[in-house]
Amino acid sequence: MRTNGCVRKGYSQVSDPARAVQELCDRISQPDASLGVFFCSSEFDRAAVEAELSQRFAGINLIGCTSAAEITPEGYLSGSIVGFTLASPDFAAVSAPIYGLKDFSIADGKGIVDGLRARLDGKAQTPDDGHTFAFLLIDGLCMCEEVVVSSLHAALGKIPLFGASSGGNLDFRESYVYFDGAFRTDAAVLTLIRTRHPFKLFTTDHFVSAGTKMVVTEAVPAERIVTEINAEPAGYEYARLVGLDLDHLKPMSFASHPVVVKVGGRYYTRSIQKVNEDGSLSFFCAIDKGVVLTVARATDILKNLSDCFGDIRREIGPLQLVIGCDCVLRTLELEQRQLKGRAGRMLKENNVIGFATFGEEFGAMHVNQTFTGAAIGSAVRAGE
């Protein structure tokens, strides 16, 4: 599927890794590709996918990650592989890996960004002034997104940043990022994309404060675990406040009853990943003793999504590609409310390619339960 000559999108739903990668390659390969991006179901045999990708996309800057679900040209799918390529002269892109995330420090971001900017300046035909954005894919189980994102955001200066934490199965045991021909953990890849087309980075969610507050009174910040809320066992107290039984707390419970924290006058979701055997709660994001959380309630998720796309189109015009990072808890909510088909059609209509994540990155923030991404419009070329 080609858009405006320099964007190609495609997917495959076959289960055989060789056939799936072949179909994806046939649909998105193009001359002068500056960047290839894919998202693949964690159900695939990774070693087989890795071997096929290395062969089919040899010589292309290819990045990607595992997913909890995929957003394809046909809407939401599971068990598939989806991707796109961006080509010159409309796009230039460079990528750099980040290894050893658990040892990453704030100072590391500047060297990574400076190196990428120098490489992009030597490659791109389009000037830097307002034409560049950054895309981060990071191990969704690394538990250190906040440090990495904060460092990169500071080093990027005026270049806006978005991204996502790789996904996987809901047992939350494995999640991988792909670059340099291999799937990896404890790693990330940062990409700078420069384009002559208009673009807008965005994030949206459909939650508002319900007013009920809770205080984290004991926590293990390094593991993102809350052991006590309001001086009571965390799982029991959370369940009591949202009107559920502890034994019935499942991923769908957390999707329907999120908690939010107020930062800079705005509420941000702090999604709960799971309840542990000892009754503590594991979170998808940084959490610490003393944090005040507020129970949130959902508004109309479809209206929120429609309004988001409407605002973007009014700003930059028709959309030829949206790189979409959709929290897995949103897909669970859509399934539970039987809205996934309608939401998928909306994503299809707006040319979204993306995946269900274990978290999203926007600016200097690691966020949860959002739809976050980069929308790319279409600049009319001379003679068209």
Protein backbone atom coordinates (compact mmCIF):
# COMPACT_ATOMS: atom_id res chain seq x y z
CA MET A 1 0.00 0.00 0.00
CA ARG A 2 1.64 3.19 -1.24
CA THR A 3 0.95 6.73 -0.08
CA ASN A 4 2.35 9.76 -1.88
CA GLY A 5 5.21 7.73 -3.35
CA CYS A 6 7.53 7.65 -0.32
CA VAL A 7 5.39 5.81 2.27
CA ARG A 8 4.48 2.14 1.96
CA LYS A 9 2.38 0.21 4.48
CA GLY A 10 1.63 -3.47 4.73
CA TYR A 11 0.97 -6.48 6.93
CA SER A 12 0.67 -10.25 6.95
CA GLN A 13 -1.66 -12.42 8.98
CA VAL A 14 -0.18 -15.81 8.11
CA SER A 15 1.32 -17.74 11.01
CA ASP A 16 4.38 -19.12 9.21
CA PRO A 17 7.28 -16.71 9.94
CA ALA A 18 8.92 -17.09 6.52
CA ARG A 19 5.70 -16.42 4.62
CA ALA A 20 4.70 -13.60 6.96
CA VAL A 21 7.99 -11.72 6.54
CA GLN A 22 7.96 -12.37 2.79
CA GLU A 23 4.47 -10.88 2.47
CA LEU A 24 5.44 -7.88 4.58
CA CYS A 25 8.58 -7.32 2.50
CA ASP A 26 6.65 -7.58 -0.77
CA ARG A 27 4.22 -4.93 0.43
CA ILE A 28 6.53 -2.35 2.00
CA SER A 29 9.88 -2.62 0.22
CA GLN A 30 10.71 0.35 -1.99
CA PRO A 31 13.77 1.93 -3.59
CA ASP A 32 15.69 4.48 -1.50
CA ALA A 33 14.01 3.40 1.75
CA SER A 34 15.51 5.43 4.58
CA LEU A 35 13.71 3.58 7.34
CA GLY A 36 11.71 0.39 7.84
CA VAL A 37 9.58 -0.16 10.95
CA PHE A 38 7.66 -3.29 11.96
CA PHE A 39 5.62 -4.57 14.88
CA CYS A 40 5.09 -8.29 15.29
CA SER A 41 3.03 -10.50 17.54
CA SER A 42 4.92 -12.12 20.38
CA GLU A 43 3.32 -15.40 19.26
CA PHE A 44 5.78 -15.67 16.36
CA ASP A 45 8.95 -17.75 16.60
CA ARG A 46 11.36 -14.85 17.17
CA ALA A 47 14.44 -16.67 15.90
CA ALA A 48 12.69 -17.51 12.65
CA VAL A 49 11.36 -13.97 12.21
CA GLU A 50 14.79 -12.56 12.99
CA ALA A 51 16.46 -14.72 10.33
CA GLU A 52 13.88 -13.83 7.69
CA LEU A 53 14.00 -10.11 8.43
CA SER A 54 17.79 -10.08 8.17
CA GLN A 55 17.56 -11.69 4.76
CA ARG A 56 14.59 -9.82 3.29
CA PHE A 57 15.53 -6.36 4.56
CA ALA A 58 19.30 -6.53 4.18
CA GLY A 59 20.84 -3.08 3.82
CA ILE A 60 17.77 -1.24 5.18
CA ASN A 61 17.67 0.64 8.49
CA LEU A 62 15.05 -1.67 10.03
CA ILE A 63 13.72 -1.28 13.58
CA GLY A 64 10.78 -2.84 15.37
CA CYS A 65 9.47 -4.64 18.43
CA THR A 66 7.13 -7.30 19.73
CA SER A 67 3.53 -6.35 20.32
CA ALA A 68 0.47 -7.31 22.36
CA ALA A 69 -1.72 -6.66 19.28
CA GLU A 70 -1.20 -4.95 15.94
CA ILE A 71 -2.78 -1.96 14.20
CA THR A 72 -2.80 -2.73 10.49
CA PRO A 73 -4.23 -1.21 7.28
CA GLU A 74 -7.32 -3.30 8.13
CA GLY A 75 -7.61 -2.16 11.76
CA TYR A 76 -6.78 -4.18 14.87
CA LEU A 77 -5.36 -7.69 14.42
CA SER A 78 -3.65 -10.25 16.65
CA GLY A 79 -0.99 -12.75 15.66
CA SER A 80 0.18 -10.63 12.72
CA ILE A 81 3.16 -8.59 11.57
CA VAL A 82 2.71 -5.04 10.29
CA GLY A 83 5.05 -2.31 9.13
CA PHE A 84 5.92 0.59 6.88
CA THR A 85 8.85 2.13 5.07
CA LEU A 86 9.76 5.78 4.52
CA ALA A 87 11.90 6.73 1.53
CA SER A 88 13.86 9.67 0.19
CA PRO A 89 13.56 12.34 -0.99
CA ASP A 90 10.60 12.92 1.35
CA PHE A 91 12.16 11.26 4.39
CA ALA A 92 15.60 10.81 5.90
CA ALA A 93 16.16 8.77 9.05
CA VAL A 94 19.00 7.56 11.25
CA SER A 95 18.87 5.18 14.24
CA ALA A 96 21.10 4.35 17.18
CA PRO A 97 20.86 1.50 19.69
CA ILE A 98 20.93 1.99 23.44
CA TYR A 99 22.30 -1.05 25.28
CA GLY A 100 22.32 -1.85 28.98
CA LEU A 101 19.32 0.25 30.01
CA LYS A 102 19.66 -0.67 33.66
CA ASP A 103 23.04 1.10 33.67
CA PHE A 104 21.82 4.10 31.66
CA SER A 105 22.47 7.50 33.21
CA ILE A 106 21.07 10.96 32.49
CA ALA A 107 24.42 11.99 30.98
CA ASP A 108 24.28 9.24 28.33
CA GLY A 109 21.51 10.87 26.33
CA LYS A 110 23.55 13.77 24.99
CA GLY A 111 26.17 11.62 23.25
CA ILE A 112 23.52 9.47 21.58
CA VAL A 113 21.53 12.46 20.34
CA ASP A 114 24.56 14.46 19.20
CA GLY A 115 25.79 11.53 17.14
CA LEU A 116 22.41 11.03 15.49
CA ARG A 117 21.99 14.72 14.66
CA ALA A 118 25.39 14.86 12.99
CA ARG A 119 24.59 11.78 10.90
CA LEU A 120 21.16 13.11 9.92
CA ASP A 121 22.54 16.53 8.93
CA GLY A 122 24.94 14.80 6.56
CA LYS A 123 22.19 12.68 5.02
CA ALA A 124 19.06 14.82 4.80
CA GLN A 125 18.09 17.16 1.99
CA THR A 126 15.50 18.93 4.13
CA PRO A 127 16.78 21.54 6.63
CA ASP A 128 16.45 20.81 10.35
CA ASP A 129 14.25 23.79 11.23
CA GLY A 130 11.04 22.23 12.56
CA HIS A 131 11.21 19.23 10.21
CA THR A 132 12.59 16.57 12.57
CA PHE A 133 11.05 14.35 15.24
CA ALA A 134 12.38 11.51 17.40
CA PHE A 135 10.91 8.01 17.73
CA LEU A 136 11.91 5.74 20.63
CA LEU A 137 11.26 2.01 20.96
CA ILE A 138 12.26 0.64 24.36
CA ASP A 139 12.07 -2.70 26.18
CA GLY A 140 8.61 -2.75 27.75
CA LEU A 141 9.81 -4.62 30.84
CA CYS A 142 13.03 -2.68 31.53
CA MET A 143 11.40 -0.59 34.31
CA CYS A 144 13.63 2.39 33.55
CA GLU A 145 11.81 4.27 30.79
CA GLU A 146 11.59 7.45 32.87
CA VAL A 147 15.36 7.91 33.13
CA VAL A 148 15.95 7.19 29.44
CA VAL A 149 13.15 9.40 28.17
CA SER A 150 14.05 12.30 30.45
CA SER A 151 17.68 12.21 29.31
CA LEU A 152 16.87 11.98 25.61
CA HIS A 153 14.24 14.71 25.80
CA ALA A 154 16.69 17.11 27.42
CA ALA A 155 19.36 16.37 24.80
CA LEU A 156 16.94 16.71 21.87
CA GLY A 157 16.10 20.31 22.70
CA LYS A 158 13.45 21.53 20.25
CA ILE A 159 13.13 18.16 18.49
CA PRO A 160 9.90 16.55 19.77
CA LEU A 161 9.94 12.95 21.02
CA PHE A 162 7.39 10.15 21.13
CA GLY A 163 7.62 6.40 21.37
CA ALA A 164 6.51 3.21 23.03
CA SER A 165 7.50 0.37 25.30
CA SER A 166 7.48 -2.94 23.43
CA GLY A 167 4.61 -5.32 24.11
CA GLY A 168 4.11 -9.03 24.58
CA ASN A 169 1.86 -11.57 26.24
CA LEU A 170 -0.14 -10.58 29.30
CA ASP A 171 2.01 -12.73 31.57
CA PHE A 172 4.49 -9.82 31.29
CA ARG A 173 7.53 -12.07 31.09
CA GLU A 174 9.03 -11.16 27.72
CA SER A 175 9.17 -8.09 25.51
CA TYR A 176 11.71 -7.32 22.78
CA VAL A 177 13.07 -4.48 20.67
CA TYR A 178 14.62 -5.21 17.25
CA PHE A 179 17.54 -3.43 15.59
CA ASP A 180 20.83 -4.38 13.93
CA GLY A 181 19.28 -7.67 12.84
CA ALA A 182 18.31 -9.03 16.26
CA PHE A 183 15.60 -8.97 18.95
CA ARG A 184 16.98 -7.70 22.26
CA THR A 185 15.99 -7.02 25.86
CA ASP A 186 17.37 -4.37 28.24
CA ALA A 187 17.78 -2.18 25.15
CA ALA A 188 16.17 0.57 23.10
CA VAL A 189 16.57 2.21 19.72
CA LEU A 190 16.24 5.94 19.06
CA THR A 191 15.45 7.17 15.55
CA LEU A 192 15.48 10.70 14.17
CA ILE A 193 13.16 11.26 11.20
CA ARG A 194 13.34 14.36 9.04
CA THR A 195 10.62 15.05 6.49
CA ARG A 196 9.33 17.71 4.14
CA HIS A 197 5.77 16.75 5.10
CA PRO A 198 3.84 18.42 7.94
CA PHE A 199 3.61 16.33 11.09
CA LYS A 200 2.21 16.45 14.60
CA LEU A 201 3.12 14.41 17.66
CA PHE A 202 0.17 13.76 19.97
CA THR A 203 -1.09 11.88 23.01
CA THR A 204 -4.63 11.40 24.23
CA ASP A 205 -6.58 9.45 26.84
CA HIS A 206 -10.22 9.29 27.90
CA PHE A 207 -9.99 9.43 31.70
CA VAL A 208 -10.96 12.10 34.19
CA SER A 209 -10.60 12.22 37.96
CA ALA A 210 -13.39 10.52 39.92
CA GLY A 211 -12.29 12.29 43.11
CA THR A 212 -11.42 9.30 45.33
CA LYS A 213 -7.82 9.67 46.48
CA MET A 214 -5.31 7.19 47.85
CA VAL A 215 -1.78 7.63 49.18
CA VAL A 216 1.10 5.23 48.53
CA THR A 217 2.39 4.56 52.04
CA GLU A 218 4.91 1.81 51.24
CA ALA A 219 6.59 0.93 47.93
CA VAL A 220 9.59 -0.69 46.27
CA PRO A 221 10.38 1.97 43.65
CA ALA A 222 13.13 0.01 41.87
CA GLU A 223 10.62 -2.74 41.08
CA ARG A 224 7.60 -0.45 40.55
CA ILE A 225 5.76 -2.28 43.31
CA VAL A 226 3.33 -0.68 45.78
CA THR A 227 2.95 -2.72 48.96
CA GLU A 228 0.69 -0.39 50.96
CA ILE A 229 -2.00 2.15 50.09
CA ASN A 230 -3.49 4.25 52.91
CA ALA A 231 -1.43 2.10 55.35
CA GLU A 232 -3.34 -1.00 54.21
CA PRO A 233 -2.20 -3.88 51.94
CA ALA A 234 -2.17 -2.31 48.47
CA GLY A 235 -4.26 -4.83 46.55
CA TYR A 236 -6.98 -5.02 49.19
CA GLU A 237 -7.23 -1.24 49.56
CA TYR A 238 -7.29 -0.62 45.82
CA ALA A 239 -9.99 -3.26 45.37
CA ARG A 240 -12.05 -1.73 48.18
CA LEU A 241 -11.84 1.78 46.75
CA VAL A 242 -12.93 0.73 43.25
CA GLY A 243 -15.63 -1.64 44.52
CA LEU A 244 -14.07 -4.95 43.46
CA ASP A 245 -12.97 -8.16 45.18
CA LEU A 246 -9.22 -8.80 45.36
CA ASP A 247 -9.66 -12.28 43.88
CA HIS A 248 -11.27 -10.76 40.79
CA LEU A 249 -8.50 -8.28 39.99
CA LYS A 250 -7.37 -9.01 36.43
CA PRO A 251 -5.80 -6.88 33.64
CA MET A 252 -9.33 -5.93 32.56
CA SER A 253 -10.02 -4.63 36.09
CA PHE A 254 -7.05 -2.30 35.88
CA ALA A 255 -8.04 -1.19 32.38
CA SER A 256 -11.50 -0.22 33.64
CA HIS A 257 -10.41 1.29 36.97
CA PRO A 258 -7.12 3.15 36.44
CA VAL A 259 -5.54 5.58 38.85
CA VAL A 260 -4.11 8.96 37.86
CA VAL A 261 -1.55 11.37 39.27
CA LYS A 262 -1.57 15.14 38.80
CA VAL A 263 1.57 16.57 37.19
CA GLY A 264 1.78 20.22 36.12
CA GLY A 265 -1.96 20.72 36.36
CA ARG A 266 -2.82 17.66 34.23
CA TYR A 267 -3.78 14.14 35.24
CA TYR A 268 -1.66 11.26 33.90
CA THR A 269 -2.63 7.61 34.19
CA ARG A 270 -0.47 5.37 36.35
CA SER A 271 -1.57 1.97 35.11
CA ILE A 272 -1.45 -1.12 37.30
CA GLN A 273 0.09 -4.14 35.61
CA LYS A 274 -0.93 -6.93 38.00
CA VAL A 275 -1.68 -7.95 41.56
CA ASN A 276 1.06 -10.12 43.05
CA GLU A 277 0.67 -13.21 45.22
CA ASP A 278 1.43 -11.21 48.36
CA GLY A 279 -1.31 -8.68 47.55
CA SER A 280 1.07 -5.94 46.38
CA LEU A 281 0.52 -4.14 43.07
CA SER A 282 2.99 -3.93 40.18
CA PHE A 283 2.75 -0.78 38.06
CA PHE A 284 3.73 -0.07 34.45
CA CYS A 285 5.50 3.13 35.49
CA ALA A 286 7.58 4.73 38.22
CA ILE A 287 5.88 4.86 41.59
CA ASP A 288 7.11 5.86 45.03
CA LYS A 289 6.10 6.29 48.63
CA GLY A 290 4.09 9.46 49.24
CA VAL A 291 2.58 9.68 45.76
CA VAL A 292 -1.08 10.70 45.84
CA LEU A 293 -3.17 8.71 43.36
CA THR A 294 -6.74 9.44 42.33
CA VAL A 295 -9.23 6.90 41.04
CA ALA A 296 -10.22 7.78 37.48
CA ARG A 297 -13.37 7.21 35.47
CA ALA A 298 -13.62 6.66 31.75
CA THR A 299 -15.32 8.97 29.28
CA ASP A 300 -16.32 7.97 25.72
CA ILE A 301 -13.20 6.34 24.26
CA LEU A 302 -14.47 6.47 20.65
CA LYS A 303 -15.41 10.15 20.86
CA ASN A 304 -12.05 10.92 22.40
CA LEU A 305 -10.29 9.13 19.53
CA SER A 306 -12.46 10.80 16.89
CA ASP A 307 -11.88 14.24 18.40
CA CYS A 308 -8.12 13.60 18.48
CA PHE A 309 -8.00 12.75 14.77
CA GLY A 310 -10.26 15.69 13.94
CA ASP A 311 -7.97 18.13 15.73
CA ILE A 312 -4.90 16.71 13.98
CA ARG A 313 -6.45 16.87 10.51
CA ARG A 314 -7.54 20.46 11.07
CA GLU A 315 -3.94 21.33 11.94
CA ILE A 316 -1.95 19.45 9.27
CA GLY A 317 -4.54 18.27 6.71
CA PRO A 318 -5.14 14.75 5.33
CA LEU A 319 -3.06 12.03 6.99
CA GLN A 320 -0.91 9.71 4.91
CA LEU A 321 0.52 7.86 7.92
CA VAL A 322 0.00 7.80 11.67
CA ILE A 323 2.54 5.83 13.73
CA GLY A 324 0.28 4.72 16.56
CA CYS A 325 1.25 3.48 20.03
CA ASP A 326 -1.85 2.19 21.81
CA CYS A 327 -1.63 0.91 25.39
CA VAL A 328 -2.61 -2.74 25.73
CA LEU A 329 -5.06 -1.78 28.49
CA ARG A 330 -6.98 0.30 25.95
CA THR A 331 -7.32 -2.70 23.64
CA LEU A 332 -8.58 -4.78 26.56
CA GLU A 333 -11.19 -2.11 27.35
CA LEU A 334 -12.28 -1.96 23.71
CA GLU A 335 -12.67 -5.74 23.63
CA GLN A 336 -14.60 -5.85 26.88
CA ARG A 337 -16.98 -3.12 25.69
CA GLN A 338 -17.27 -4.66 22.20
CA LEU A 339 -15.94 -1.47 20.60
CA LYS A 340 -12.76 -2.85 19.04
CA GLY A 341 -14.25 -3.16 15.55
CA ARG A 342 -15.48 0.44 15.50
CA ALA A 343 -12.19 1.75 16.88
CA GLY A 344 -10.26 -0.33 14.34
CA ARG A 345 -12.24 1.16 11.46
CA MET A 346 -11.43 4.64 12.74
CA LEU A 347 -7.73 3.78 12.87
CA LYS A 348 -7.93 2.35 9.32
CA GLU A 349 -9.62 5.50 8.02
CA ASN A 350 -6.79 7.60 9.45
CA ASN A 351 -3.96 5.42 8.05
CA VAL A 352 -2.67 4.23 11.43
CA ILE A 353 0.09 1.64 11.58
CA GLY A 354 1.09 0.63 15.09
CA PHE A 355 0.73 -1.76 18.00
CA ALA A 356 -0.53 -2.43 21.51
CA THR A 357 2.19 -1.40 23.95
CA PHE A 358 3.31 -1.86 27.54
CA GLY A 359 3.59 1.94 27.87
CA GLU A 360 4.04 5.09 25.81
CA GLU A 361 6.56 7.93 25.72
CA PHE A 362 5.71 11.55 25.00
CA GLY A 363 8.09 14.45 25.48
CA ALA A 364 9.87 13.86 28.78
CA MET A 365 7.10 11.59 30.11
CA HIS A 366 6.62 7.83 30.27
CA VAL A 367 2.82 7.50 30.22
CA ASN A 368 0.21 4.73 30.34
CA GLN A 369 -3.21 3.94 28.93
CA THR A 370 -2.89 6.50 26.14
CA PHE A 371 -3.02 6.53 22.37
CA THR A 372 0.23 8.30 21.45
CA GLY A 373 1.91 8.78 18.11
CA ALA A 374 3.15 10.81 15.18
CA ALA A 375 0.74 11.92 12.46
CA ILE A 376 2.29 12.71 9.08
CA GLY A 377 0.39 14.82 6.57
CA SER A 378 1.07 15.39 2.91
CA ALA A 379 2.95 18.27 1.35
CA VAL A 380 1.93 18.90 -2.26
CA ARG A 381 4.92 18.67 -4.55
CA ALA A 382 5.51 21.01 -7.45
CA GLY A 383 3.71 19.75 -10.52
CA GLU A 384 1.20 17.64 -8.59
